[in-house]
Amino acid sequence: MQHLTALGELEIGNCSEPCSLEGIQGLTALKKLTIENLPKLQGLPQQ
């Protein structure tokens, strides 16, 4: 995700596989983050 620094909105959802949002802190222009139905989400970055 480190190359998506201009991304303003991100929607992630409906995934039954284990996933991580590692690297999301590099999305410096992100204004809206929508997370839905990720039962195996392994956590969010602290910073």
Protein backbone atom coordinates (compact mmCIF):
# COMPACT_ATOMS: atom_id res chain seq x y z
CA MET A 1 0.00 0.00 0.00
CA GLN A 2 2.99 2.33 0.29
CA HIS A 3 2.60 3.46 -3.33
CA LEU A 4 -1.00 4.65 -2.85
CA THR A 5 -0.17 7.82 -0.91
CA ALA A 6 -2.73 9.95 -2.83
CA LEU A 7 -5.62 7.55 -2.13
CA GLY A 8 -8.44 9.46 -0.43
CA GLU A 9 -10.99 6.70 0.22
CA LEU A 10 -10.65 2.96 0.83
CA GLU A 11 -13.37 0.34 1.25
CA ILE A 12 -12.48 -3.18 2.35
CA GLY A 13 -15.03 -5.88 3.03
CA ASN A 14 -16.56 -9.30 2.64
CA CYS A 15 -13.38 -11.31 2.95
CA SER A 16 -13.37 -14.54 4.94
CA GLU A 17 -9.61 -15.07 4.62
CA PRO A 18 -7.17 -13.82 7.29
CA CYS A 19 -6.03 -10.31 6.42
CA SER A 20 -3.98 -7.48 7.82
CA LEU A 21 -3.99 -3.75 7.15
CA GLU A 22 -0.23 -3.50 7.57
CA GLY A 23 1.09 -0.46 5.73
CA ILE A 24 -2.15 1.51 5.93
CA GLN A 25 -0.40 4.23 7.94
CA GLY A 26 1.44 5.16 4.72
CA LEU A 27 -1.84 6.32 3.15
CA THR A 28 -1.26 9.92 4.18
CA ALA A 29 -4.13 11.42 2.12
CA LEU A 30 -6.74 8.91 3.35
CA LYS A 31 -9.88 10.72 4.53
CA LYS A 32 -12.35 7.81 4.69
CA LEU A 33 -11.78 4.17 5.60
CA THR A 34 -14.67 1.70 5.52
CA ILE A 35 -14.17 -1.80 6.92
CA GLU A 36 -17.07 -4.26 6.78
CA ASN A 37 -17.43 -7.99 7.36
CA LEU A 38 -13.81 -8.98 7.94
CA PRO A 39 -14.20 -11.70 10.58
CA LYS A 40 -10.51 -12.67 10.44
CA LEU A 41 -9.01 -9.17 10.52
CA GLN A 42 -5.75 -9.55 12.44
CA GLY A 43 -5.60 -6.01 13.80
CA LEU A 44 -4.99 -2.40 12.88
CA PRO A 45 -1.69 -0.54 13.09
CA GLN A 46 -1.20 1.51 16.25
CA GLN A 47 0.11 4.59 14.42
